[in-house]
C-alpha atoms as a PDB file:
ATOM      1  CA  UNK A   1      -0.149  -0.044   0.021  1.00  0.00           C
ATOM      2  CA  UNK A   2       2.518   2.706   1.378  1.00  0.00           C
ATOM      3  CA  UNK A   3       4.749   1.447  -2.684  1.00  0.00           C
ATOM      4  CA  UNK A   4       1.349   2.115  -4.682  1.00  0.00           C
ATOM      5  CA  UNK A   5       0.900   5.636  -3.010  1.00  0.00           C
ATOM      6  CA  UNK A   6       5.133   6.617  -3.691  1.00  0.00           C
ATOM      7  CA  UNK A   7       4.448   5.160  -7.301  1.00  0.00           C
ATOM      8  CA  UNK A   8       1.122   7.897  -7.224  1.00  0.00           C
ATOM      9  CA  UNK A   9       2.414  10.376  -6.426  1.00  0.00           C
ATOM     10  CA  UNK A  10       5.941   9.832  -7.666  1.00  0.00           C
ATOM     11  CA  UNK A  11       3.307  10.702 -11.320  1.00  0.00           C
ATOM     12  CA  UNK A  12       1.671  13.475 -10.071  1.00  0.00           C
ATOM     13  CA  UNK A  13       5.188  15.236  -8.793  1.00  0.00           C
ATOM     14  CA  UNK A  14       6.250  13.965 -12.710  1.00  0.00           C
ATOM     15  CA  UNK A  15       3.846  15.272 -14.493  1.00  0.00           C
ATOM     16  CA  UNK A  16       2.970  18.437 -12.399  1.00  0.00           C
ATOM     17  CA  UNK A  17       6.982  19.446 -13.456  1.00  0.00           C
ATOM     18  CA  UNK A  18       6.399  18.611 -17.028  1.00  0.00           C
ATOM     19  CA  UNK A  19       2.959  20.515 -16.651  1.00  0.00           C
ATOM     20  CA  UNK A  20       5.315  23.835 -15.110  1.00  0.00           C
ATOM     21  CA  UNK A  21       7.959  23.532 -18.334  1.00  0.00           C
ATOM     22  CA  UNK A  22       5.717  23.639 -20.541  1.00  0.00           C
ATOM     23  CA  UNK A  23       4.078  26.987 -19.121  1.00  0.00           C
ATOM     24  CA  UNK A  24       7.673  28.089 -18.753  1.00  0.00           C
ATOM     25  CA  UNK A  25       8.570  27.655 -22.080  1.00  0.00           C
ATOM     26  CA  UNK A  26       5.720  29.808 -22.824  1.00  0.00           C
ATOM     27  CA  UNK A  27       5.934  32.439 -21.769  1.00  0.00           C
ATOM     28  CA  UNK A  28       9.759  31.991 -22.635  1.00  0.00           C
ATOM     29  CA  UNK A  29       8.979  32.454 -26.563  1.00  0.00           C
ATOM     30  CA  UNK A  30       6.451  35.120 -25.631  1.00  0.00           C
ATOM     31  CA  UNK A  31       9.233  37.103 -24.334  1.00  0.00           C
ATOM     32  CA  UNK A  32      11.555  36.498 -26.933  1.00  0.00           C
ATOM     33  CA  UNK A  33       9.261  37.525 -29.338  1.00  0.00           C
ATOM     34  CA  UNK A  34       8.124  40.543 -27.277  1.00  0.00           C
ATOM     35  CA  UNK A  35      11.641  41.676 -27.004  1.00  0.00           C
ATOM     36  CA  UNK A  36      12.346  40.848 -30.562  1.00  0.00           C
ATOM     37  CA  UNK A  37       9.666  43.392 -32.020  1.00  0.00           C
ATOM     38  CA  UNK A  38      10.931  45.940 -29.230  1.00  0.00           C
ATOM     39  CA  UNK A  39      14.574  46.250 -30.623  1.00  0.00           C
ATOM     40  CA  UNK A  40      12.570  46.236 -34.304  1.00  0.00           C
ATOM     41  CA  UNK A  41      10.633  48.972 -33.606  1.00  0.00           C
ATOM     42  CA  UNK A  42      14.088  50.755 -31.479  1.00  0.00           C
ATOM     43  CA  UNK A  43      15.956  50.124 -35.285  1.00  0.00           C
ATOM     44  CA  UNK A  44      13.306  51.564 -36.972  1.00  0.00           C
ATOM     45  CA  UNK A  45      13.891  54.238 -34.335  1.00  0.00           C
ATOM     46  CA  UNK A  46      17.211  55.607 -34.608  1.00  0.00           C
ATOM     47  CA  UNK A  47      16.918  55.052 -37.889  1.00  0.00           C
ATOM     48  CA  UNK A  48      14.556  57.925 -38.495  1.00  0.00           C
ATOM     49  CA  UNK A  49      16.213  60.357 -35.879  1.00  0.00           C
ATOM     50  CA  UNK A  50      19.565  59.581 -38.071  1.00  0.00           C
ATOM     51  CA  UNK A  51      17.559  60.939 -40.917  1.00  0.00           C
ATOM     52  CA  UNK A  52      16.217  63.750 -39.034  1.00  0.00           C
ATOM     53  CA  UNK A  53      19.600  64.702 -38.037  1.00  0.00           C
ATOM     54  CA  UNK A  54      20.940  64.473 -41.392  1.00  0.00           C
ATOM     55  CA  UNK A  55      18.142  67.000 -42.969  1.00  0.00           C
ATOM     56  CA  UNK A  56      18.643  68.873 -39.909  1.00  0.00           C
ATOM     57  CA  UNK A  57      22.633  69.699 -40.880  1.00  0.00           C
ATOM     58  CA  UNK A  58      21.430  69.580 -44.214  1.00  0.00           C
ATOM     59  CA  UNK A  59      19.516  73.479 -43.103  1.00  0.00           C
ATOM     60  CA  UNK A  60      22.239  74.236 -41.470  1.00  0.00           C
ATOM     61  CA  UNK A  61      24.757  74.068 -44.543  1.00  0.00           C
ATOM     62  CA  UNK A  62      25.957  76.804 -45.222  1.00  0.00           C
ATOM     63  CA  UNK A  63      25.740  76.383 -48.692  1.00  0.00           C
ATOM     64  CA  UNK A  64      22.040  75.597 -48.348  1.00  0.00           C
ATOM     65  CA  UNK A  65      21.347  79.833 -45.929  1.00  0.00           C
ATOM     66  CA  UNK A  66      23.296  81.378 -48.521  1.00  0.00           C
ATOM     67  CA  UNK A  67      21.115  79.492 -51.045  1.00  0.00           C
ATOM     68  CA  UNK A  68      17.722  80.480 -48.547  1.00  0.00           C
ATOM     69  CA  UNK A  69      19.100  84.328 -48.735  1.00  0.00           C
ATOM     70  CA  UNK A  70      19.666  84.483 -52.402  1.00  0.00           C
ATOM     71  CA  UNK A  71      16.250  83.199 -52.990  1.00  0.00           C
END
């Protein structure tokens, strides 16, 4: 009787471990996806900032200032 209860306990214990493992793996996959999305968005924003900085530098260029004064 004692051996049977021990076996049942072990089966439930291993089943619980497997369920927790599957849950943690799913959570890990979701977090990895969110990190990838955030990094992609961050890269896009950096690229847009770089583009706007180039536009600003072009407007501050002395030749562009003289050209706009000439018009």
